[in-house]
Amino acid sequence: MGRLLDRAKRWARAIKQDIAALWIAGRDPRTPLAAKIVTLAVVAYALSPIDLIPDFIPVLGYLDDLLIVPLGVMLAIRLIPVDLMAEYRGRAAGLERRPRSKAGLVIVLAVWAVASAALIGWFVW
């Protein structure tokens, strides 16, 4: 069980590192447009200070942390040329603090507002 936990911790650190690298990739003009679009969406969501599905909701609350973010990261990495991704990972390793995304916060709040309004509208109707 200890080895499994250690592997999970290493995997989580690698995902955090890749998110920082993708944050750098999203701002680099050498990143292909399709990769940049996916990258910016994934990074905005991953670095948002709030989750689309709050963690206190049983099972679903951790779904984004365990599935959505890692799958988005893997897709974005596949769209970026290998040599560029290696460069971005190197630059991300040198970052002193984790980047944050105000755009991600705005997007998540907008989705919550629209979903809440739709649900209220459905109940009223």
N, C-alpha and C. Protein backbone atom coordinates (compact mmCIF):
# COMPACT_ATOMS: atom_id res chain seq x y z
N MET A 1 0.82 -1.20 0.00
CA MET A 1 0.00 0.00 0.00
C MET A 1 0.87 1.26 0.00
N GLY A 2 1.99 1.20 0.68
CA GLY A 2 2.89 2.35 0.75
C GLY A 2 3.47 2.71 -0.61
N ARG A 3 3.80 1.67 -1.41
CA ARG A 3 4.34 1.93 -2.76
C ARG A 3 3.30 2.59 -3.64
N LEU A 4 2.06 2.16 -3.52
CA LEU A 4 0.97 2.74 -4.31
C LEU A 4 0.78 4.21 -3.95
N LEU A 5 0.83 4.51 -2.67
CA LEU A 5 0.68 5.89 -2.22
C LEU A 5 1.85 6.75 -2.72
N ASP A 6 3.07 6.21 -2.68
CA ASP A 6 4.22 6.95 -3.19
C ASP A 6 4.09 7.22 -4.68
N ARG A 7 3.62 6.23 -5.43
CA ARG A 7 3.41 6.42 -6.88
C ARG A 7 2.36 7.49 -7.14
N ALA A 8 1.29 7.48 -6.35
CA ALA A 8 0.23 8.47 -6.52
C ALA A 8 0.75 9.88 -6.22
N LYS A 9 1.58 10.01 -5.21
CA LYS A 9 2.16 11.31 -4.86
C LYS A 9 3.08 11.81 -5.97
N ARG A 10 3.90 10.92 -6.53
CA ARG A 10 4.79 11.32 -7.64
C ARG A 10 3.98 11.73 -8.85
N TRP A 11 2.90 10.99 -9.13
CA TRP A 11 2.03 11.31 -10.26
C TRP A 11 1.38 12.67 -10.06
N ALA A 12 0.91 12.96 -8.86
CA ALA A 12 0.28 14.26 -8.56
C ALA A 12 1.28 15.39 -8.73
N ARG A 13 2.54 15.19 -8.28
CA ARG A 13 3.57 16.22 -8.46
C ARG A 13 3.86 16.44 -9.94
N ALA A 14 3.89 15.35 -10.71
CA ALA A 14 4.15 15.47 -12.15
C ALA A 14 3.02 16.23 -12.84
N ILE A 15 1.78 15.98 -12.43
CA ILE A 15 0.64 16.72 -13.02
C ILE A 15 0.76 18.20 -12.69
N LYS A 16 1.10 18.53 -11.45
CA LYS A 16 1.27 19.94 -11.07
C LYS A 16 2.36 20.60 -11.89
N GLN A 17 3.46 19.89 -12.07
CA GLN A 17 4.58 20.39 -12.88
C GLN A 17 4.15 20.60 -14.33
N ASP A 18 3.39 19.65 -14.87
CA ASP A 18 2.93 19.77 -16.25
C ASP A 18 1.93 20.91 -16.41
N ILE A 19 1.11 21.16 -15.41
CA ILE A 19 0.18 22.28 -15.48
C ILE A 19 0.95 23.59 -15.55
N ALA A 20 1.99 23.72 -14.76
CA ALA A 20 2.84 24.92 -14.83
C ALA A 20 3.51 25.03 -16.20
N ALA A 21 3.97 23.90 -16.74
CA ALA A 21 4.59 23.90 -18.07
C ALA A 21 3.57 24.29 -19.13
N LEU A 22 2.35 23.81 -18.99
CA LEU A 22 1.30 24.17 -19.95
C LEU A 22 0.92 25.64 -19.83
N TRP A 23 0.99 26.18 -18.64
CA TRP A 23 0.74 27.61 -18.43
C TRP A 23 1.75 28.42 -19.24
N ILE A 24 3.00 27.98 -19.23
CA ILE A 24 4.05 28.63 -20.02
C ILE A 24 3.78 28.42 -21.52
N ALA A 25 3.40 27.20 -21.90
CA ALA A 25 3.15 26.87 -23.31
C ALA A 25 2.01 27.70 -23.88
N GLY A 26 1.00 27.97 -23.10
CA GLY A 26 -0.14 28.74 -23.58
C GLY A 26 0.20 30.17 -23.94
N ARG A 27 1.30 30.66 -23.45
CA ARG A 27 1.72 32.04 -23.71
C ARG A 27 2.85 32.12 -24.74
N ASP A 28 3.32 31.00 -25.19
CA ASP A 28 4.44 30.97 -26.14
C ASP A 28 3.90 30.96 -27.58
N PRO A 29 4.36 31.87 -28.43
CA PRO A 29 3.86 31.91 -29.81
C PRO A 29 4.26 30.67 -30.64
N ARG A 30 5.22 29.89 -30.19
CA ARG A 30 5.63 28.69 -30.92
C ARG A 30 4.67 27.52 -30.71
N THR A 31 3.80 27.62 -29.72
CA THR A 31 2.83 26.56 -29.45
C THR A 31 1.77 26.58 -30.55
N PRO A 32 1.48 25.42 -31.17
CA PRO A 32 0.45 25.37 -32.22
C PRO A 32 -0.91 25.85 -31.69
N LEU A 33 -1.72 26.43 -32.57
CA LEU A 33 -2.99 27.04 -32.17
C LEU A 33 -3.91 26.04 -31.47
N ALA A 34 -4.09 24.85 -32.03
CA ALA A 34 -4.98 23.85 -31.40
C ALA A 34 -4.48 23.50 -30.00
N ALA A 35 -3.18 23.33 -29.86
CA ALA A 35 -2.61 23.02 -28.56
C ALA A 35 -2.81 24.18 -27.60
N LYS A 36 -2.68 25.40 -28.11
CA LYS A 36 -2.82 26.58 -27.27
C LYS A 36 -4.25 26.69 -26.73
N ILE A 37 -5.25 26.41 -27.57
CA ILE A 37 -6.65 26.49 -27.15
C ILE A 37 -6.92 25.46 -26.05
N VAL A 38 -6.53 24.21 -26.27
CA VAL A 38 -6.74 23.16 -25.27
C VAL A 38 -5.95 23.48 -24.01
N THR A 39 -4.71 23.90 -24.19
CA THR A 39 -3.84 24.22 -23.06
C THR A 39 -4.42 25.32 -22.19
N LEU A 40 -4.85 26.40 -22.81
CA LEU A 40 -5.39 27.51 -22.03
C LEU A 40 -6.68 27.12 -21.30
N ALA A 41 -7.51 26.29 -21.91
CA ALA A 41 -8.73 25.84 -21.24
C ALA A 41 -8.39 24.96 -20.03
N VAL A 42 -7.48 24.02 -20.23
CA VAL A 42 -7.09 23.10 -19.15
C VAL A 42 -6.43 23.88 -18.01
N VAL A 43 -5.52 24.76 -18.35
CA VAL A 43 -4.79 25.51 -17.33
C VAL A 43 -5.73 26.47 -16.59
N ALA A 44 -6.62 27.13 -17.31
CA ALA A 44 -7.56 28.04 -16.65
C ALA A 44 -8.41 27.29 -15.64
N TYR A 45 -8.86 26.09 -16.01
CA TYR A 45 -9.66 25.29 -15.08
C TYR A 45 -8.82 24.75 -13.93
N ALA A 46 -7.66 24.21 -14.25
CA ALA A 46 -6.82 23.59 -13.22
C ALA A 46 -6.30 24.61 -12.21
N LEU A 47 -6.02 25.82 -12.65
CA LEU A 47 -5.47 26.83 -11.75
C LEU A 47 -6.53 27.72 -11.12
N SER A 48 -7.78 27.50 -11.49
CA SER A 48 -8.86 28.27 -10.90
C SER A 48 -8.92 27.98 -9.40
N PRO A 49 -9.13 29.02 -8.60
CA PRO A 49 -9.19 28.79 -7.15
C PRO A 49 -10.43 28.03 -6.69
N ILE A 50 -11.43 27.88 -7.55
CA ILE A 50 -12.60 27.09 -7.18
C ILE A 50 -12.82 26.02 -8.24
N ASP A 51 -13.50 24.94 -7.84
CA ASP A 51 -13.79 23.83 -8.74
C ASP A 51 -15.18 23.97 -9.34
N LEU A 52 -15.35 23.41 -10.52
CA LEU A 52 -16.67 23.36 -11.14
C LEU A 52 -17.60 22.50 -10.28
N ILE A 53 -17.08 21.38 -9.81
CA ILE A 53 -17.81 20.50 -8.91
C ILE A 53 -17.09 20.57 -7.56
N PRO A 54 -17.70 21.20 -6.55
CA PRO A 54 -17.03 21.34 -5.25
C PRO A 54 -16.63 20.00 -4.66
N ASP A 55 -15.49 19.96 -3.98
CA ASP A 55 -14.96 18.71 -3.42
C ASP A 55 -15.83 18.12 -2.32
N PHE A 56 -16.69 18.92 -1.70
CA PHE A 56 -17.51 18.37 -0.62
C PHE A 56 -18.66 17.50 -1.13
N ILE A 57 -18.91 17.50 -2.44
CA ILE A 57 -19.94 16.62 -3.01
C ILE A 57 -19.32 15.23 -3.13
N PRO A 58 -19.91 14.22 -2.47
CA PRO A 58 -19.31 12.89 -2.47
C PRO A 58 -19.08 12.36 -3.89
N VAL A 59 -17.96 11.75 -4.11
CA VAL A 59 -17.50 11.11 -5.34
C VAL A 59 -17.34 12.12 -6.48
N LEU A 60 -18.42 12.81 -6.86
CA LEU A 60 -18.34 13.75 -7.98
C LEU A 60 -17.38 14.90 -7.71
N GLY A 61 -17.23 15.29 -6.45
CA GLY A 61 -16.36 16.40 -6.09
C GLY A 61 -14.90 16.17 -6.45
N TYR A 62 -14.49 14.92 -6.42
CA TYR A 62 -13.10 14.61 -6.76
C TYR A 62 -12.94 14.13 -8.19
N LEU A 63 -14.04 14.03 -8.93
CA LEU A 63 -14.00 13.57 -10.31
C LEU A 63 -13.12 14.47 -11.18
N ASP A 64 -13.25 15.79 -11.00
CA ASP A 64 -12.44 16.69 -11.80
C ASP A 64 -10.95 16.56 -11.46
N ASP A 65 -10.65 16.37 -10.18
CA ASP A 65 -9.25 16.24 -9.78
C ASP A 65 -8.63 14.94 -10.26
N LEU A 66 -9.43 13.89 -10.32
CA LEU A 66 -8.91 12.57 -10.68
C LEU A 66 -9.02 12.23 -12.16
N LEU A 67 -9.96 12.83 -12.87
CA LEU A 67 -10.17 12.48 -14.28
C LEU A 67 -10.06 13.66 -15.23
N ILE A 68 -10.86 14.68 -15.01
CA ILE A 68 -10.96 15.77 -15.98
C ILE A 68 -9.63 16.49 -16.17
N VAL A 69 -9.00 16.92 -15.09
CA VAL A 69 -7.74 17.65 -15.20
C VAL A 69 -6.63 16.79 -15.79
N PRO A 70 -6.38 15.57 -15.28
CA PRO A 70 -5.31 14.75 -15.87
C PRO A 70 -5.54 14.41 -17.35
N LEU A 71 -6.79 14.12 -17.73
CA LEU A 71 -7.06 13.83 -19.13
C LEU A 71 -6.85 15.06 -20.01
N GLY A 72 -7.24 16.21 -19.51
CA GLY A 72 -7.00 17.46 -20.24
C GLY A 72 -5.52 17.75 -20.38
N VAL A 73 -4.77 17.51 -19.32
CA VAL A 73 -3.31 17.70 -19.36
C VAL A 73 -2.68 16.76 -20.38
N MET A 74 -3.09 15.50 -20.37
CA MET A 74 -2.53 14.54 -21.33
C MET A 74 -2.85 14.93 -22.77
N LEU A 75 -4.07 15.39 -23.03
CA LEU A 75 -4.44 15.83 -24.37
C LEU A 75 -3.60 17.02 -24.80
N ALA A 76 -3.47 18.00 -23.93
CA ALA A 76 -2.69 19.20 -24.26
C ALA A 76 -1.22 18.84 -24.54
N ILE A 77 -0.66 17.95 -23.74
CA ILE A 77 0.73 17.55 -23.93
C ILE A 77 0.91 16.85 -25.27
N ARG A 78 -0.05 16.04 -25.66
CA ARG A 78 0.03 15.33 -26.95
C ARG A 78 0.01 16.30 -28.13
N LEU A 79 -0.62 17.47 -27.95
CA LEU A 79 -0.74 18.43 -29.04
C LEU A 79 0.49 19.34 -29.18
N ILE A 80 1.37 19.29 -28.19
CA ILE A 80 2.57 20.15 -28.20
C ILE A 80 3.76 19.31 -28.65
N PRO A 81 4.57 19.86 -29.56
CA PRO A 81 5.78 19.12 -29.99
C PRO A 81 6.66 18.75 -28.79
N VAL A 82 7.27 17.57 -28.86
CA VAL A 82 8.03 17.01 -27.75
C VAL A 82 9.15 17.94 -27.30
N ASP A 83 9.90 18.51 -28.24
CA ASP A 83 11.02 19.38 -27.86
C ASP A 83 10.54 20.65 -27.16
N LEU A 84 9.42 21.21 -27.59
CA LEU A 84 8.88 22.38 -26.91
C LEU A 84 8.39 22.03 -25.50
N MET A 85 7.72 20.88 -25.38
CA MET A 85 7.22 20.47 -24.06
C MET A 85 8.37 20.25 -23.10
N ALA A 86 9.48 19.69 -23.57
CA ALA A 86 10.65 19.50 -22.71
C ALA A 86 11.18 20.86 -22.23
N GLU A 87 11.19 21.82 -23.13
CA GLU A 87 11.64 23.17 -22.75
C GLU A 87 10.71 23.78 -21.72
N TYR A 88 9.40 23.65 -21.93
CA TYR A 88 8.42 24.21 -20.99
C TYR A 88 8.52 23.55 -19.62
N ARG A 89 8.76 22.24 -19.62
CA ARG A 89 8.91 21.55 -18.33
C ARG A 89 10.14 22.04 -17.59
N GLY A 90 11.21 22.28 -18.32
CA GLY A 90 12.42 22.82 -17.69
C GLY A 90 12.19 24.19 -17.10
N ARG A 91 11.49 25.03 -17.84
CA ARG A 91 11.18 26.38 -17.34
C ARG A 91 10.23 26.31 -16.14
N ALA A 92 9.29 25.38 -16.18
CA ALA A 92 8.33 25.24 -15.07
C ALA A 92 9.02 24.78 -13.80
N ALA A 93 10.05 23.95 -13.94
CA ALA A 93 10.79 23.48 -12.76
C ALA A 93 11.47 24.64 -12.04
N GLY A 94 11.77 25.70 -12.77
CA GLY A 94 12.43 26.86 -12.18
C GLY A 94 11.48 27.88 -11.58
N LEU A 95 10.18 27.68 -11.72
CA LEU A 95 9.23 28.65 -11.15
C LEU A 95 9.26 28.58 -9.63
N GLU A 96 9.23 29.74 -8.99
CA GLU A 96 9.27 29.78 -7.53
C GLU A 96 7.90 29.56 -6.90
N ARG A 97 6.87 30.01 -7.60
CA ARG A 97 5.52 29.81 -7.05
C ARG A 97 4.58 29.36 -8.17
N ARG A 98 3.53 28.71 -7.76
CA ARG A 98 2.55 28.17 -8.70
C ARG A 98 1.73 29.31 -9.31
N PRO A 99 1.55 29.30 -10.64
CA PRO A 99 0.73 30.34 -11.26
C PRO A 99 -0.74 30.19 -10.88
N ARG A 100 -1.50 31.27 -11.00
CA ARG A 100 -2.93 31.26 -10.72
C ARG A 100 -3.66 31.76 -11.96
N SER A 101 -4.93 31.42 -12.07
CA SER A 101 -5.70 31.82 -13.24
C SER A 101 -6.96 32.56 -12.83
N LYS A 102 -6.98 33.87 -13.04
CA LYS A 102 -8.19 34.65 -12.79
C LYS A 102 -9.23 34.34 -13.86
N ALA A 103 -8.78 34.05 -15.07
CA ALA A 103 -9.71 33.68 -16.15
C ALA A 103 -10.43 32.40 -15.78
N GLY A 104 -9.72 31.45 -15.19
CA GLY A 104 -10.35 30.20 -14.76
C GLY A 104 -11.42 30.46 -13.72
N LEU A 105 -11.14 31.35 -12.80
CA LEU A 105 -12.13 31.71 -11.77
C LEU A 105 -13.38 32.28 -12.42
N VAL A 106 -13.20 33.19 -13.37
CA VAL A 106 -14.33 33.82 -14.05
C VAL A 106 -15.14 32.78 -14.82
N ILE A 107 -14.46 31.88 -15.52
CA ILE A 107 -15.15 30.84 -16.30
C ILE A 107 -15.96 29.93 -15.39
N VAL A 108 -15.35 29.47 -14.31
CA VAL A 108 -16.05 28.56 -13.39
C VAL A 108 -17.25 29.28 -12.76
N LEU A 109 -17.08 30.53 -12.36
CA LEU A 109 -18.20 31.29 -11.79
C LEU A 109 -19.31 31.49 -12.82
N ALA A 110 -18.95 31.74 -14.08
CA ALA A 110 -19.95 31.91 -15.13
C ALA A 110 -20.73 30.61 -15.36
N VAL A 111 -20.03 29.49 -15.38
CA VAL A 111 -20.71 28.21 -15.56
C VAL A 111 -21.67 27.95 -14.40
N TRP A 112 -21.21 28.22 -13.18
CA TRP A 112 -22.08 28.05 -12.02
C TRP A 112 -23.31 28.97 -12.10
N ALA A 113 -23.11 30.21 -12.51
CA ALA A 113 -24.23 31.16 -12.60
C ALA A 113 -25.25 30.70 -13.64
N VAL A 114 -24.78 30.29 -14.81
CA VAL A 114 -25.68 29.84 -15.87
C VAL A 114 -26.42 28.57 -15.42
N ALA A 115 -25.69 27.63 -14.84
CA ALA A 115 -26.32 26.38 -14.39
C ALA A 115 -27.35 26.67 -13.30
N SER A 116 -27.03 27.55 -12.37
CA SER A 116 -27.96 27.89 -11.30
C SER A 116 -29.21 28.57 -11.86
N ALA A 117 -29.02 29.51 -12.78
CA ALA A 117 -30.16 30.20 -13.39
C ALA A 117 -31.03 29.21 -14.17
N ALA A 118 -30.41 28.28 -14.88
CA ALA A 118 -31.17 27.28 -15.64
C ALA A 118 -31.97 26.39 -14.68
N LEU A 119 -31.34 25.97 -13.60
CA LEU A 119 -32.02 25.11 -12.62
C LEU A 119 -33.18 25.85 -11.96
N ILE A 120 -32.97 27.09 -11.59
CA ILE A 120 -34.04 27.90 -10.97
C ILE A 120 -35.15 28.11 -11.98
N GLY A 121 -34.79 28.43 -13.23
CA GLY A 121 -35.78 28.61 -14.27
C GLY A 121 -36.60 27.34 -14.51
N TRP A 122 -35.95 26.21 -14.46
CA TRP A 122 -36.64 24.93 -14.66
C TRP A 122 -37.62 24.67 -13.51
N PHE A 123 -37.20 24.96 -12.27
CA PHE A 123 -38.09 24.77 -11.12
C PHE A 123 -39.29 25.73 -11.19
N VAL A 124 -39.05 26.97 -11.60
CA VAL A 124 -40.12 27.96 -11.69
C VAL A 124 -41.10 27.59 -12.79
N TRP A 125 -40.56 27.09 -13.91
CA TRP A 125 -41.41 26.73 -15.04
C TRP A 125 -42.29 25.57 -14.67
